Amino acid sequence: MQETAGQAARFSLAILGAEQLAETIGSIMLAAGGTGGHLFPAFALAEELGRRGYAIDLVTDERGDRYGTGFPARQLYQIPAATLQGRSPTAVAKTAVTLGRGTRRAYTLLGKVRPAVVVGFGGYPTFPPLIAAGFRSIPTIIHEQNAILGRANHMLAKRVTAIATSFENVRNLDIPWQAKVHFTGNPVRDVVISASAIPYQSPTAHGPFRLVVFGGSQGARFFSDALPPALSKLSAADRARLEVVQQARQEDIARVEQAYCEAGINAEVATFFKDLPERMAAAHLVVARAGASSVAELTVLGRPSLLVPLPHSLDNDQLYNAIRLAEAGGGWCIEQKDLDPERLALEITTAMSSPERLESAAIAAKTQGRPDAVSRLADLVGRLAGQ
């Protein structure tokens, strides 16, 4: 993240605001990168800690509220951070300088806010506040949402007080760190917990088939390219049954809507659905990427899914997430390289004609859900805060 004069001004104003806050002892600072996979579990923890009487502050990057979440924090701070963009000496040096500047800012911020605990949810924006917290002897937690430890969390693991995980077994967790590992599960937001009370309803032979499709910016482009031609290959009777809710990039919406219209498919297409958990709960099948928050929400809701992991990621985190759910019987994992329109059409047709198969997957997914994850993580925070 490049530091700008505007960001510096906002930082200074935030410091002044923090000085005027009456309650500082017992506050909790959350640090999260600006993707949904990092922000959504942080959001869930903020909701729970707020119910327990803590004041919450959030450190993130410029993307911190792009999901329209209205993050439940008294203050949102932006700290200079950068993701390592290559391994050349120049790239490493540039990243180190930015993170160093962010750490100095975070050290000053922590001196003003004085949180009882700092909790990081991954991504390089978590690095400066977690390192600065160590310098100030503030207890720290990192939460790993994926089945493999991410790079930022791996760099922080040996320095933090505790490591919370979403899976019982997480790859790349070195043996010396095992003593401070706590399996909590991946927190989901209150709206997901509420939607999880809705039981799964299998599709009927001739009734509507509700399909929900989403997957972040890169997933949205792939699904915009793959789903319309695949669904157009279905029989006329199956196309008439479909009710599609699909996320798409703004520049793709018109062509996706046109393709569905020409195929006679009822579809609602948008860049983002604020009520996505409710739409997932109403779905007969979800087609999505395999980000940690998506998998956590699918399992708490208990909905069958066809997961297409993001390819070419450095850690292959989505692939491991999808494989874990598929092995449990809660869904199906197909890598993007293996998924052409013909294969996708076959998978959707099979799902539409196999309600028992979908119901079994929904039940299996539900058994993997951790609706109490946020309480377990909040308990860990409370113990470190001395409450």
Protein backbone atom coordinates (compact mmCIF):
# COMPACT_ATOMS: atom_id res chain seq x y z
CA MET A 1 0.00 0.00 0.00
CA GLN A 2 1.42 3.38 -0.92
CA GLU A 3 1.25 5.99 1.82
CA THR A 4 -0.35 9.26 0.74
CA ALA A 5 -0.77 12.68 2.31
CA GLY A 6 -4.48 11.92 2.77
CA GLN A 7 -3.74 8.69 4.59
CA ALA A 8 -1.24 10.43 6.84
CA ALA A 9 -3.82 13.09 7.67
CA ARG A 10 -6.44 10.46 8.49
CA PHE A 11 -3.91 8.68 10.68
CA SER A 12 -3.16 11.88 12.62
CA LEU A 13 -6.85 12.62 13.12
CA ALA A 14 -7.42 9.03 14.28
CA ILE A 15 -4.65 9.40 16.87
CA LEU A 16 -6.28 12.58 18.20
CA GLY A 17 -9.63 10.79 18.37
CA ALA A 18 -8.06 7.88 20.23
CA GLU A 19 -6.61 10.25 22.83
CA GLN A 20 -10.10 11.55 23.59
CA LEU A 21 -11.64 8.12 24.07
CA ALA A 22 -12.52 7.51 27.68
CA GLU A 23 -12.33 3.75 27.51
CA THR A 24 -9.01 2.36 26.37
CA ILE A 25 -8.15 -0.37 28.88
CA GLY A 26 -9.91 -3.55 27.76
CA SER A 27 -10.19 -2.55 24.13
CA ILE A 28 -9.25 -5.07 21.45
CA MET A 29 -7.48 -4.20 18.21
CA LEU A 30 -8.19 -6.35 15.16
CA ALA A 31 -5.87 -6.35 12.14
CA ALA A 32 -6.99 -7.75 8.80
CA GLY A 33 -6.13 -7.50 5.12
CA GLY A 34 -8.84 -5.97 2.98
CA THR A 35 -10.25 -9.13 1.38
CA GLY A 36 -13.49 -10.75 2.46
CA GLY A 37 -11.59 -13.84 3.60
CA HIS A 38 -9.79 -11.75 6.21
CA LEU A 39 -12.45 -9.16 7.01
CA PHE A 40 -15.50 -11.40 7.46
CA PRO A 41 -14.09 -13.46 10.37
CA ALA A 42 -12.74 -10.24 11.90
CA PHE A 43 -16.24 -8.76 11.52
CA ALA A 44 -17.75 -11.78 13.29
CA LEU A 45 -15.28 -11.52 16.17
CA ALA A 46 -15.95 -7.78 16.47
CA GLU A 47 -19.68 -8.50 16.78
CA GLU A 48 -19.09 -11.05 19.54
CA LEU A 49 -16.53 -8.99 21.46
CA GLY A 50 -18.86 -6.00 21.25
CA ARG A 51 -21.58 -8.07 22.92
CA ARG A 52 -19.08 -8.86 25.66
CA GLY A 53 -18.45 -5.20 26.32
CA TYR A 54 -15.13 -4.64 24.56
CA ALA A 55 -14.36 -1.58 22.47
CA ILE A 56 -13.10 -2.64 19.04
CA ASP A 57 -10.60 -0.94 16.73
CA LEU A 58 -9.66 -2.16 13.24
CA VAL A 59 -6.37 -1.82 11.38
CA THR A 60 -6.61 -2.62 7.67
CA ASP A 61 -5.71 -1.29 4.22
CA GLU A 62 -7.61 0.98 1.84
CA ARG A 63 -9.95 -1.87 0.88
CA GLY A 64 -11.15 -2.22 4.47
CA ASP A 65 -14.82 -1.40 3.91
CA ARG A 66 -15.25 -2.04 0.20
CA TYR A 67 -17.71 -4.85 0.97
CA GLY A 68 -20.17 -2.38 2.50
CA THR A 69 -19.93 -4.20 5.79
CA GLY A 70 -20.13 -1.18 8.10
CA PHE A 71 -17.47 -2.82 10.24
CA PRO A 72 -18.51 -2.73 13.94
CA ALA A 73 -15.50 -0.81 15.25
CA ARG A 74 -15.24 2.52 17.02
CA GLN A 75 -12.31 3.48 14.79
CA LEU A 76 -10.77 2.21 11.55
CA TYR A 77 -7.06 2.87 11.01
CA GLN A 78 -4.97 2.53 7.88
CA ILE A 79 -1.33 1.62 8.38
CA PRO A 80 1.27 1.50 5.57
CA ALA A 81 1.73 -2.08 4.38
CA ALA A 82 2.78 -3.90 1.23
CA THR A 83 2.57 -7.39 -0.21
CA LEU A 84 5.81 -8.90 -1.44
CA GLN A 85 5.68 -8.63 -5.26
CA GLY A 86 8.50 -10.93 -6.29
CA ARG A 87 11.81 -12.04 -4.81
CA SER A 88 14.20 -9.61 -6.44
CA PRO A 89 16.37 -7.56 -4.06
CA THR A 90 14.55 -4.43 -5.16
CA ALA A 91 11.10 -5.89 -4.47
CA VAL A 92 12.16 -7.25 -1.08
CA ALA A 93 13.78 -3.95 -0.09
CA LYS A 94 10.74 -1.93 -1.16
CA THR A 95 8.39 -4.17 0.83
CA ALA A 96 10.67 -4.07 3.88
CA VAL A 97 10.80 -0.27 3.85
CA THR A 98 7.02 0.03 3.66
CA LEU A 99 6.45 -2.54 6.41
CA GLY A 100 9.05 -0.81 8.56
CA ARG A 101 7.26 2.51 8.15
CA GLY A 102 3.96 0.81 8.98
CA THR A 103 5.45 -0.78 12.09
CA ARG A 104 6.62 2.61 13.38
CA ARG A 105 3.14 4.04 12.80
CA ALA A 106 1.55 1.04 14.49
CA TYR A 107 3.87 1.38 17.48
CA THR A 108 2.72 4.98 17.97
CA LEU A 109 -0.92 3.99 17.50
CA LEU A 110 -0.73 1.20 20.07
CA GLY A 111 0.82 3.62 22.57
CA LYS A 112 -2.26 5.84 22.22
CA VAL A 113 -5.00 3.22 22.04
CA ARG A 114 -3.41 0.71 24.48
CA PRO A 115 -5.45 -2.38 23.52
CA ALA A 116 -5.48 -5.39 25.81
CA VAL A 117 -4.93 -7.79 22.88
CA VAL A 118 -4.14 -7.46 19.17
CA VAL A 119 -5.70 -10.11 16.90
CA GLY A 120 -4.48 -10.57 13.31
CA PHE A 121 -6.46 -12.28 10.55
CA GLY A 122 -3.81 -12.55 7.86
CA GLY A 123 -2.62 -10.46 4.95
CA TYR A 124 0.34 -8.11 5.06
CA PRO A 125 -1.62 -5.24 6.70
CA THR A 126 -1.57 -7.40 9.85
CA PHE A 127 2.22 -7.50 9.96
CA PRO A 128 3.00 -3.98 11.32
CA PRO A 129 0.47 -3.97 14.20
CA LEU A 130 1.37 -7.50 15.30
CA ILE A 131 5.10 -6.75 15.27
CA ALA A 132 4.52 -3.43 17.06
CA ALA A 133 2.38 -5.18 19.67
CA GLY A 134 5.29 -7.49 20.40
CA PHE A 135 7.56 -4.49 20.97
CA ARG A 136 5.01 -3.13 23.47
CA SER A 137 4.51 -6.54 25.19
CA ILE A 138 0.84 -6.64 24.24
CA PRO A 139 -0.57 -10.20 23.91
CA THR A 140 -1.16 -11.20 20.30
CA ILE A 141 -3.16 -13.78 18.37
CA ILE A 142 -3.11 -14.71 14.72
CA HIS A 143 -6.10 -16.48 13.22
CA GLU A 144 -5.51 -18.70 10.20
CA GLN A 145 -8.65 -19.23 8.14
CA ASN A 146 -7.21 -21.71 5.64
CA ALA A 147 -6.05 -25.31 5.72
CA ILE A 148 -2.50 -24.08 5.06
CA LEU A 149 -0.72 -21.34 6.99
CA GLY A 150 -0.50 -18.16 4.91
CA ARG A 151 2.75 -16.32 4.27
CA ALA A 152 2.09 -13.34 6.53
CA ASN A 153 0.89 -15.58 9.35
CA HIS A 154 3.90 -17.84 8.85
CA MET A 155 6.20 -14.86 9.33
CA LEU A 156 4.36 -13.91 12.52
CA ALA A 157 3.76 -17.36 14.03
CA LYS A 158 6.89 -17.59 16.14
CA ARG A 159 6.39 -14.06 17.53
CA VAL A 160 2.75 -14.18 18.64
CA THR A 161 1.27 -15.36 21.92
CA ALA A 162 -1.32 -17.72 20.40
CA ILE A 163 -2.33 -19.19 17.04
CA ALA A 164 -6.00 -19.87 16.33
CA THR A 165 -6.90 -22.18 13.44
CA SER A 166 -10.01 -22.96 11.42
CA PHE A 167 -8.96 -26.56 10.72
CA GLU A 168 -7.76 -29.17 13.19
CA ASN A 169 -4.73 -29.87 11.02
CA VAL A 170 -3.09 -26.95 9.22
CA ARG A 171 -0.21 -27.38 6.79
CA ASN A 172 3.04 -25.43 7.34
CA LEU A 173 2.54 -25.12 11.09
CA ASP A 174 6.00 -25.91 12.41
CA ILE A 175 6.33 -28.27 15.36
CA PRO A 176 7.78 -25.65 17.79
CA TRP A 177 4.57 -23.61 17.42
CA GLN A 178 2.16 -26.44 18.23
CA ALA A 179 2.03 -25.64 21.95
CA LYS A 180 0.32 -22.31 21.27
CA VAL A 181 -2.15 -23.57 18.65
CA HIS A 182 -5.88 -23.40 19.50
CA PHE A 183 -8.45 -24.94 17.17
CA THR A 184 -11.40 -22.53 17.15
CA GLY A 185 -12.91 -22.83 13.70
CA ASN A 186 -13.51 -19.89 11.36
CA PRO A 187 -15.92 -17.27 12.77
CA VAL A 188 -18.92 -16.37 10.64
CA ARG A 189 -21.09 -13.27 10.91
CA ASP A 190 -24.36 -13.09 12.83
CA VAL A 191 -26.31 -12.96 9.57
CA VAL A 192 -24.86 -16.36 8.62
CA ILE A 193 -25.76 -17.85 12.00
CA SER A 194 -29.32 -16.56 11.58
CA ALA A 195 -29.59 -18.01 8.06
CA SER A 196 -28.26 -21.37 9.28
CA ALA A 197 -31.58 -21.97 11.04
CA ILE A 198 -33.22 -22.41 7.61
CA PRO A 199 -33.30 -26.16 6.81
CA TYR A 200 -32.07 -27.37 3.43
CA GLN A 201 -34.90 -28.12 1.01
CA SER A 202 -34.07 -30.58 -1.76
CA PRO A 203 -35.23 -29.62 -5.24
CA THR A 204 -38.32 -31.36 -6.56
CA ALA A 205 -38.38 -33.14 -9.91
CA HIS A 206 -40.14 -30.38 -11.83
CA GLY A 207 -39.81 -27.45 -9.43
CA PRO A 208 -37.37 -24.53 -9.53
CA PHE A 209 -33.65 -25.15 -9.07
CA ARG A 210 -31.92 -22.29 -7.29
CA LEU A 211 -28.25 -21.86 -8.22
CA VAL A 212 -26.03 -19.28 -6.47
CA VAL A 213 -22.69 -18.39 -8.08
CA PHE A 214 -19.96 -16.18 -6.62
CA GLY A 215 -16.21 -16.07 -6.22
CA GLY A 216 -14.48 -12.74 -5.68
CA SER A 217 -13.15 -10.59 -8.51
CA GLN A 218 -11.15 -13.31 -10.28
CA GLY A 219 -13.79 -15.94 -9.64
CA ALA A 220 -16.49 -13.64 -10.95
CA ARG A 221 -14.69 -13.26 -14.28
CA PHE A 222 -14.17 -17.00 -14.67
CA PHE A 223 -17.75 -17.81 -13.77
CA SER A 224 -19.02 -15.07 -16.08
CA ASP A 225 -17.13 -16.77 -18.91
CA ALA A 226 -18.00 -20.36 -17.91
CA LEU A 227 -21.53 -20.46 -16.50
CA PRO A 228 -23.67 -18.93 -19.30
CA PRO A 229 -22.34 -21.21 -22.09
CA ALA A 230 -22.49 -24.21 -19.76
CA LEU A 231 -26.07 -23.61 -18.66
CA SER A 232 -27.16 -22.92 -22.24
CA LYS A 233 -26.26 -26.56 -22.98
CA LEU A 234 -28.89 -27.85 -20.56
CA SER A 235 -32.19 -29.17 -21.86
CA ALA A 236 -34.99 -26.67 -22.35
CA ALA A 237 -36.85 -28.20 -19.42
CA ASP A 238 -33.84 -27.80 -17.09
CA ARG A 239 -33.16 -24.25 -18.29
CA ALA A 240 -36.77 -23.36 -17.47
CA ARG A 241 -36.30 -24.64 -13.91
CA LEU A 242 -33.17 -22.59 -13.21
CA GLU A 243 -33.18 -19.55 -10.95
CA VAL A 244 -29.64 -18.16 -11.03
CA VAL A 245 -28.11 -15.60 -8.68
CA GLN A 246 -24.63 -14.71 -9.91
CA GLN A 247 -21.89 -12.30 -8.94
CA ALA A 248 -20.14 -10.63 -11.87
CA ARG A 249 -17.78 -7.77 -12.47
CA GLN A 250 -19.47 -4.54 -13.47
CA GLU A 251 -18.04 -4.70 -16.97
CA ASP A 252 -19.40 -8.23 -17.44
CA ILE A 253 -22.96 -7.80 -16.18
CA ALA A 254 -24.56 -6.82 -19.49
CA ARG A 255 -23.11 -9.70 -21.48
CA VAL A 256 -23.91 -12.25 -18.75
CA GLU A 257 -27.49 -11.02 -18.51
CA GLN A 258 -27.82 -11.12 -22.29
CA ALA A 259 -26.48 -14.68 -22.48
CA TYR A 260 -28.96 -15.87 -19.86
CA CYS A 261 -31.80 -14.03 -21.56
CA GLU A 262 -31.02 -15.67 -24.89
CA ALA A 263 -30.91 -19.09 -23.19
CA GLY A 264 -34.28 -18.50 -21.53
CA ILE A 265 -32.75 -18.67 -18.04
CA ASN A 266 -34.11 -16.62 -15.14
CA ALA A 267 -31.05 -14.88 -13.65
CA GLU A 268 -30.21 -12.02 -11.31
CA VAL A 269 -26.67 -10.67 -11.86
CA ALA A 270 -24.89 -8.08 -9.69
CA THR A 271 -21.41 -7.13 -8.54
CA PHE A 272 -22.21 -7.83 -4.89
CA PHE A 273 -25.16 -9.13 -2.87
CA LYS A 274 -25.36 -7.73 0.66
CA ASP A 275 -27.84 -10.49 1.52
CA LEU A 276 -25.66 -13.26 0.10
CA PRO A 277 -25.93 -15.52 3.20
CA GLU A 278 -29.72 -15.58 2.86
CA ARG A 279 -29.43 -16.30 -0.85
CA MET A 280 -26.98 -19.12 -0.13
CA ALA A 281 -29.40 -20.53 2.43
CA ALA A 282 -32.15 -20.56 -0.22
CA ALA A 283 -29.93 -22.26 -2.81
CA HIS A 284 -30.14 -25.87 -3.92
CA LEU A 285 -26.50 -25.69 -5.06
CA VAL A 286 -23.73 -23.11 -4.68
CA VAL A 287 -20.95 -22.74 -7.26
CA ALA A 288 -18.04 -20.78 -5.83
CA ARG A 289 -14.35 -20.36 -5.26
CA ALA A 290 -13.01 -22.02 -2.13
CA GLY A 291 -11.95 -19.09 0.00
CA ALA A 292 -11.87 -19.82 3.72
CA SER A 293 -14.86 -17.62 4.60
CA SER A 294 -16.94 -19.10 1.76
CA VAL A 295 -16.22 -22.64 2.95
CA ALA A 296 -16.92 -21.70 6.57
CA GLU A 297 -20.27 -20.14 5.63
CA LEU A 298 -21.24 -23.09 3.44
CA THR A 299 -20.59 -25.51 6.28
CA VAL A 300 -22.42 -23.48 8.92
CA LEU A 301 -25.37 -23.10 6.53
CA GLY A 302 -25.13 -26.73 5.46
CA ARG A 303 -25.36 -26.21 1.71
CA PRO A 304 -23.91 -28.42 -1.05
CA SER A 305 -21.35 -26.75 -3.27
CA LEU A 306 -19.30 -27.17 -6.39
CA LEU A 307 -15.98 -25.51 -5.52
CA VAL A 308 -13.53 -24.27 -8.14
CA PRO A 309 -10.35 -23.22 -6.30
CA LEU A 310 -8.48 -20.15 -7.46
CA PRO A 311 -5.61 -21.50 -9.58
CA HIS A 312 -1.97 -20.43 -9.46
CA SER A 313 -2.09 -19.05 -5.90
CA LEU A 314 1.27 -19.27 -4.17
CA ASP A 315 0.00 -21.30 -1.21
CA ASN A 316 -2.77 -23.28 -2.98
CA ASP A 317 -4.89 -22.43 0.05
CA GLN A 318 -8.21 -22.67 -1.78
CA LEU A 319 -7.37 -26.08 -3.20
CA TYR A 320 -6.65 -27.44 0.29
CA ASN A 321 -9.87 -25.87 1.63
CA ALA A 322 -11.95 -27.43 -1.17
CA ILE A 323 -10.33 -30.85 -0.84
CA ARG A 324 -11.05 -30.92 2.89
CA LEU A 325 -14.75 -30.24 2.30
CA ALA A 326 -14.97 -32.68 -0.61
CA GLU A 327 -13.31 -35.43 1.42
CA ALA A 328 -15.95 -34.89 4.10
CA GLY A 329 -18.68 -35.36 1.49
CA GLY A 330 -19.94 -31.77 1.75
CA GLY A 331 -19.33 -30.79 -1.85
CA TRP A 332 -17.32 -31.35 -4.98
CA CYS A 333 -13.93 -29.90 -5.92
CA ILE A 334 -13.03 -29.44 -9.57
CA GLU A 335 -9.92 -27.53 -10.56
CA GLN A 336 -10.42 -24.76 -13.08
CA LYS A 337 -8.18 -26.42 -15.66
CA ASP A 338 -10.55 -29.39 -15.70
CA LEU A 339 -13.76 -27.42 -15.95
CA ASP A 340 -14.87 -26.58 -19.50
CA PRO A 341 -18.52 -25.74 -20.35
CA GLU A 342 -19.30 -29.37 -21.25
CA ARG A 343 -18.03 -30.66 -17.89
CA LEU A 344 -19.81 -27.91 -16.00
CA ALA A 345 -23.07 -28.58 -17.85
CA LEU A 346 -22.79 -32.27 -16.94
CA GLU A 347 -22.18 -31.46 -13.27
CA ILE A 348 -25.18 -29.12 -13.07
CA THR A 349 -27.44 -31.57 -14.92
CA THR A 350 -26.40 -34.36 -12.56
CA ALA A 351 -27.10 -32.17 -9.53
CA MET A 352 -30.53 -31.16 -10.81
CA SER A 353 -31.52 -34.78 -11.30
CA SER A 354 -30.09 -36.06 -8.00
CA PRO A 355 -31.89 -34.45 -5.04
CA GLU A 356 -30.80 -37.24 -2.70
CA ARG A 357 -27.16 -36.62 -3.61
CA LEU A 358 -27.55 -32.91 -2.88
CA GLU A 359 -29.26 -33.55 0.44
CA SER A 360 -26.50 -35.94 1.53
CA ALA A 361 -23.90 -33.30 0.69
CA ALA A 362 -25.87 -30.66 2.61
CA ILE A 363 -25.94 -32.89 5.69
CA ALA A 364 -22.22 -33.66 5.39
CA ALA A 365 -21.38 -29.97 4.97
CA LYS A 366 -23.36 -29.12 8.09
CA THR A 367 -21.38 -31.61 10.15
CA GLN A 368 -18.22 -29.69 9.24
CA GLY A 369 -19.63 -26.34 10.34
CA ARG A 370 -18.41 -24.55 13.47
CA PRO A 371 -21.17 -22.12 14.43
CA ASP A 372 -19.49 -21.72 17.83
CA ALA A 373 -16.17 -20.65 16.30
CA VAL A 374 -16.64 -17.00 17.14
CA SER A 375 -17.37 -17.82 20.79
CA ARG A 376 -14.31 -20.05 21.00
CA LEU A 377 -12.08 -17.35 19.50
CA ALA A 378 -13.60 -14.66 21.73
CA ASP A 379 -12.95 -16.87 24.77
CA LEU A 380 -9.30 -17.10 23.76
CA VAL A 381 -9.12 -13.31 23.40
CA GLY A 382 -10.71 -12.91 26.82
CA ARG A 383 -8.20 -15.22 28.45
CA LEU A 384 -5.29 -13.25 27.02
CA ALA A 385 -6.97 -10.00 28.05
CA GLY A 386 -7.20 -11.29 31.59
CA GLN A 387 -10.98 -11.21 31.64
